[in-house]
C-alpha atoms as a PDB file:
ATOM      1  CA  MET A   1      32.384-254.361  22.158  1.00  0.00           C
ATOM      2  CA  SER A   2      35.544-255.490  22.761  1.00  0.00           C
ATOM      3  CA  GLN A   3      38.122-253.267  24.619  1.00  0.00           C
ATOM      4  CA  ASP A   4      40.579-253.894  21.708  1.00  0.00           C
ATOM      5  CA  LYS A   5      38.383-252.179  19.108  1.00  0.00           C
ATOM      6  CA  ILE A   6      38.207-248.499  18.663  1.00  0.00           C
ATOM      7  CA  ALA A   7      34.559-247.087  18.812  1.00  0.00           C
ATOM      8  CA  PHE A   8      33.689-245.526  15.486  1.00  0.00           C
ATOM      9  CA  ASN A   9      33.841-241.795  15.836  1.00  0.00           C
ATOM     10  CA  LYS A  10      30.676-240.515  13.859  1.00  0.00           C
ATOM     11  CA  THR A  11      32.261-236.880  14.254  1.00  0.00           C
ATOM     12  CA  SER A  12      35.275-236.265  12.064  1.00  0.00           C
ATOM     13  CA  LEU A  13      37.222-233.244  13.287  1.00  0.00           C
ATOM     14  CA  THR A  14      38.528-232.445   9.744  1.00  0.00           C
ATOM     15  CA  LYS A  15      35.026-232.228   8.518  1.00  0.00           C
ATOM     16  CA  GLN A  16      34.173-229.720  11.444  1.00  0.00           C
ATOM     17  CA  VAL A  17      37.056-227.539  10.388  1.00  0.00           C
ATOM     18  CA  LEU A  18      35.928-227.704   6.667  1.00  0.00           C
ATOM     19  CA  ASP A  19      32.368-226.595   7.712  1.00  0.00           C
ATOM     20  CA  SER A  20      33.828-223.880   9.912  1.00  0.00           C
ATOM     21  CA  ILE A  21      36.016-222.428   6.697  1.00  0.00           C
ATOM     22  CA  VAL A  22      32.705-222.724   4.522  1.00  0.00           C
ATOM     23  CA  GLU A  23      30.713-220.657   7.168  1.00  0.00           C
ATOM     24  CA  GLN A  24      33.291-218.125   7.699  1.00  0.00           C
ATOM     25  CA  LEU A  25      33.685-217.600   4.004  1.00  0.00           C
ATOM     26  CA  SER A  26      29.907-217.705   3.442  1.00  0.00           C
ATOM     27  CA  TYR A  27      29.310-215.177   6.229  1.00  0.00           C
ATOM     28  CA  HIS A  28      31.792-212.740   4.560  1.00  0.00           C
ATOM     29  CA  VAL A  29      30.535-213.093   0.998  1.00  0.00           C
ATOM     30  CA  GLY A  30      26.800-213.474   1.428  1.00  0.00           C
ATOM     31  CA  GLU A  31      25.410-213.995  -2.026  1.00  0.00           C
ATOM     32  CA  GLN A  32      28.135-212.144  -3.819  1.00  0.00           C
ATOM     33  CA  LEU A  33      30.196-215.664  -4.475  1.00  0.00           C
ATOM     34  CA  ALA A  34      29.281-219.314  -4.385  1.00  0.00           C
ATOM     35  CA  VAL A  35      31.049-221.093  -1.397  1.00  0.00           C
ATOM     36  CA  GLU A  36      31.029-224.770  -1.591  1.00  0.00           C
ATOM     37  CA  PHE A  37      32.918-227.842  -0.688  1.00  0.00           C
ATOM     38  CA  TYR A  38      35.264-229.039  -3.643  1.00  0.00           C
ATOM     39  CA  PRO A  39      33.138-231.187  -5.667  1.00  0.00           C
ATOM     40  CA  GLU A  40      33.773-234.869  -5.448  1.00  0.00           C
ATOM     41  CA  GLN A  41      33.837-235.064  -9.237  1.00  0.00           C
ATOM     42  CA  PRO A  42      35.708-231.941 -10.270  1.00  0.00           C
ATOM     43  CA  THR A  43      35.669-232.734 -13.919  1.00  0.00           C
ATOM     44  CA  ASN A  44      31.829-232.485 -13.830  1.00  0.00           C
ATOM     45  CA  TYR A  45      31.735-229.124 -11.605  1.00  0.00           C
ATOM     46  CA  ARG A  46      29.834-226.386 -13.352  1.00  0.00           C
ATOM     47  CA  LEU A  47      30.135-222.730 -12.376  1.00  0.00           C
ATOM     48  CA  ASN A  48      26.525-221.544 -11.875  1.00  0.00           C
ATOM     49  CA  HIS A  49      27.225-218.354 -10.045  1.00  0.00           C
ATOM     50  CA  ALA A  50      27.492-215.212 -12.112  1.00  0.00           C
ATOM     51  CA  ASN A  51      30.701-213.778 -10.175  1.00  0.00           C
ATOM     52  CA  GLY A  52      32.614-216.875  -9.081  1.00  0.00           C
ATOM     53  CA  ALA A  53      33.079-219.529  -6.580  1.00  0.00           C
ATOM     54  CA  LEU A  54      35.358-220.208  -3.726  1.00  0.00           C
ATOM     55  CA  LEU A  55      35.573-224.189  -3.163  1.00  0.00           C
ATOM     56  CA  VAL A  56      36.853-225.535   0.245  1.00  0.00           C
ATOM     57  CA  ASN A  57      39.016-228.652   0.588  1.00  0.00           C
ATOM     58  CA  TYR A  58      41.209-230.582   2.952  1.00  0.00           C
ATOM     59  CA  GLY A  59      44.795-231.062   1.660  1.00  0.00           C
ATOM     60  CA  LYS A  60      46.974-232.961   4.084  1.00  0.00           C
ATOM     61  CA  SER A  61      48.191-232.932   7.753  1.00  0.00           C
ATOM     62  CA  ASP A  62      51.790-233.297   9.129  1.00  0.00           C
ATOM     63  CA  TYR A  63      52.398-234.411  12.646  1.00  0.00           C
ATOM     64  CA  GLY A  64      55.193-233.240  14.844  1.00  0.00           C
ATOM     65  CA  ARG A  65      57.719-235.458  16.576  1.00  0.00           C
ATOM     66  CA  ARG A  66      56.401-238.184  18.742  1.00  0.00           C
ATOM     67  CA  GLU A  67      57.068-237.732  22.412  1.00  0.00           C
ATOM     68  CA  ASP A  68      57.754-240.648  24.709  1.00  0.00           C
ATOM     69  CA  VAL A  69      54.519-240.788  26.820  1.00  0.00           C
ATOM     70  CA  ARG A  70      52.226-243.475  27.350  1.00  0.00           C
ATOM     71  CA  ALA A  71      49.811-241.950  24.899  1.00  0.00           C
ATOM     72  CA  VAL A  72      50.132-240.803  21.435  1.00  0.00           C
ATOM     73  CA  ILE A  73      49.741-236.952  21.787  1.00  0.00           C
ATOM     74  CA  LYS A  74      51.190-235.157  18.777  1.00  0.00           C
ATOM     75  CA  GLU A  75      50.729-231.717  17.290  1.00  0.00           C
ATOM     76  CA  ARG A  76      48.838-231.798  13.969  1.00  0.00           C
ATOM     77  CA  THR A  77      49.345-229.009  11.270  1.00  0.00           C
ATOM     78  CA  SER A  78      46.454-229.280   8.651  1.00  0.00           C
ATOM     79  CA  VAL A  79      46.591-227.721   5.331  1.00  0.00           C
ATOM     80  CA  PHE A  80      43.190-226.591   3.681  1.00  0.00           C
ATOM     81  CA  THR A  81      43.003-225.431   0.092  1.00  0.00           C
ATOM     82  CA  ILE A  82      40.522-222.909  -1.187  1.00  0.00           C
ATOM     83  CA  THR A  83      40.025-222.738  -5.020  1.00  0.00           C
ATOM     84  CA  VAL A  84      39.099-219.604  -6.418  1.00  0.00           C
ATOM     85  CA  ILE A  85      37.029-219.781  -9.508  1.00  0.00           C
ATOM     86  CA  SER A  86      36.486-216.579 -11.379  1.00  0.00           C
ATOM     87  CA  ARG A  87      35.015-215.472 -14.862  1.00  0.00           C
ATOM     88  CA  ASN A  88      37.550-212.446 -14.748  1.00  0.00           C
ATOM     89  CA  LEU A  89      41.105-211.937 -13.761  1.00  0.00           C
ATOM     90  CA  HIS A  90      41.218-208.453 -12.516  1.00  0.00           C
ATOM     91  CA  ASP A  91      37.882-206.707 -12.084  1.00  0.00           C
ATOM     92  CA  LYS A  92      36.075-206.548  -8.715  1.00  0.00           C
ATOM     93  CA  TYR A  93      35.337-210.436  -8.636  1.00  0.00           C
ATOM     94  CA  GLY A  94      38.408-211.149 -10.475  1.00  0.00           C
ATOM     95  CA  ALA A  95      40.582-214.173  -9.603  1.00  0.00           C
ATOM     96  CA  VAL A  96      43.544-211.960  -8.314  1.00  0.00           C
ATOM     97  CA  PRO A  97      41.457-209.619  -6.109  1.00  0.00           C
ATOM     98  CA  LEU A  98      39.527-212.638  -4.731  1.00  0.00           C
ATOM     99  CA  VAL A  99      42.787-214.432  -3.686  1.00  0.00           C
ATOM    100  CA  ASP A 100      43.733-211.567  -1.591  1.00  0.00           C
ATOM    101  CA  TRP A 101      40.287-211.512   0.003  1.00  0.00           C
ATOM    102  CA  VAL A 102      40.403-215.153   0.805  1.00  0.00           C
ATOM    103  CA  ILE A 103      43.681-214.602   2.628  1.00  0.00           C
ATOM    104  CA  ALA A 104      42.409-211.450   4.264  1.00  0.00           C
ATOM    105  CA  MET A 105      39.310-213.133   5.621  1.00  0.00           C
ATOM    106  CA  LEU A 106      40.956-216.415   6.799  1.00  0.00           C
ATOM    107  CA  SER A 107      44.182-215.139   8.413  1.00  0.00           C
ATOM    108  CA  GLY A 108      43.581-215.133  12.021  1.00  0.00           C
ATOM    109  CA  PHE A 109      40.458-217.098  12.156  1.00  0.00           C
ATOM    110  CA  THR A 110      40.447-220.025  14.284  1.00  0.00           C
ATOM    111  CA  ALA A 111      38.312-222.696  13.288  1.00  0.00           C
ATOM    112  CA  SER A 112      36.357-225.240  15.612  1.00  0.00           C
ATOM    113  CA  HIS A 113      38.663-227.756  17.129  1.00  0.00           C
ATOM    114  CA  CYS A 114      41.891-225.744  16.319  1.00  0.00           C
ATOM    115  CA  ASP A 115      44.330-224.303  18.689  1.00  0.00           C
ATOM    116  CA  LYS A 116      45.789-221.855  16.384  1.00  0.00           C
ATOM    117  CA  PRO A 117      44.468-219.355  13.766  1.00  0.00           C
ATOM    118  CA  PHE A 118      44.732-220.011  10.085  1.00  0.00           C
ATOM    119  CA  ALA A 119      47.851-218.575   8.514  1.00  0.00           C
ATOM    120  CA  PRO A 120      48.398-218.623   4.586  1.00  0.00           C
ATOM    121  CA  ILE A 121      51.021-220.892   3.094  1.00  0.00           C
ATOM    122  CA  ASP A 122      50.898-220.047  -0.292  1.00  0.00           C
ATOM    123  CA  ASP A 123      48.655-219.000  -3.284  1.00  0.00           C
ATOM    124  CA  TYR A 124      49.083-219.894  -6.964  1.00  0.00           C
ATOM    125  CA  PHE A 125      47.656-219.997 -10.437  1.00  0.00           C
ATOM    126  CA  VAL A 126      46.052-223.436 -11.307  1.00  0.00           C
ATOM    127  CA  GLN A 127      44.710-222.844 -14.929  1.00  0.00           C
ATOM    128  CA  HIS A 128      42.670-221.072 -17.235  1.00  0.00           C
ATOM    129  CA  GLN A 129      40.092-223.160 -18.838  1.00  0.00           C
ATOM    130  CA  SER A 130      36.849-222.722 -20.870  1.00  0.00           C
ATOM    131  CA  GLY A 131      36.975-218.873 -19.950  1.00  0.00           C
ATOM    132  CA  LEU A 132      37.489-219.364 -16.182  1.00  0.00           C
ATOM    133  CA  TRP A 133      40.438-218.473 -14.064  1.00  0.00           C
ATOM    134  CA  PHE A 134      41.426-220.797 -11.318  1.00  0.00           C
ATOM    135  CA  TYR A 135      43.868-219.987  -8.502  1.00  0.00           C
ATOM    136  CA  ALA A 136      44.302-221.710  -5.226  1.00  0.00           C
ATOM    137  CA  VAL A 137      45.075-220.535  -1.626  1.00  0.00           C
ATOM    138  CA  ASP A 138      46.627-223.030   1.010  1.00  0.00           C
ATOM    139  CA  ILE A 139      46.164-221.973   4.480  1.00  0.00           C
ATOM    140  CA  SER A 140      47.122-224.004   7.734  1.00  0.00           C
ATOM    141  CA  THR A 141      46.161-224.371  11.096  1.00  0.00           C
ATOM    142  CA  GLN A 142      47.299-226.527  14.129  1.00  0.00           C
ATOM    143  CA  ALA A 143      45.657-228.700  16.715  1.00  0.00           C
ATOM    144  CA  VAL A 144      46.642-231.525  19.063  1.00  0.00           C
ATOM    145  CA  HIS A 145      46.031-235.110  18.123  1.00  0.00           C
ATOM    146  CA  VAL A 146      45.175-237.360  20.983  1.00  0.00           C
ATOM    147  CA  GLN A 147      44.867-241.069  20.549  1.00  0.00           C
ATOM    148  CA  THR A 148      41.391-242.420  20.823  1.00  0.00           C
ATOM    149  CA  LYS A 149      42.102-245.958  21.881  1.00  0.00           C
ATOM    150  CA  GLN A 150      42.240-246.553  25.403  1.00  0.00           C
ATOM    151  CA  ILE A 151      45.551-247.449  27.162  1.00  0.00           C
ATOM    152  CA  HIS A 152      45.513-250.838  28.523  1.00  0.00           C
ATOM    153  CA  GLU A 153      47.737-251.695  31.686  1.00  0.00           C
ATOM    154  CA  ILE A 154      50.479-254.196  31.008  1.00  0.00           C
END
């Protein structure tokens, strides 16, 4: 392989963070709720669990100011969204208590490959459709991005 090309990294750090969030939530909810990755075809999603579901998705990343060094090393703040789906609004497994529960279970949790624990950004009502309540919780964490392409001497 040419030195100019970047080797394909088969391990996505973002995917590993998503896996960590799913594991953390699954550990705490057990069989009480479904914990899944956000579906690739959301319009075809069907809630099959009696109580509700937590769907985990990657939202975006922002990168800090670039420092003047030979390599690209930047702070990366990533946002993940947990969509809460519930058949009720206020009961034990209602959307409103589940929003608070998600915030409590993820606040202070440090996922693999992250430098700082998760902190909530916001939570909000998404929609009420076909008897289901949809809310979302946005959480963020930080890691350091380090370039993967080798630096060549000039």
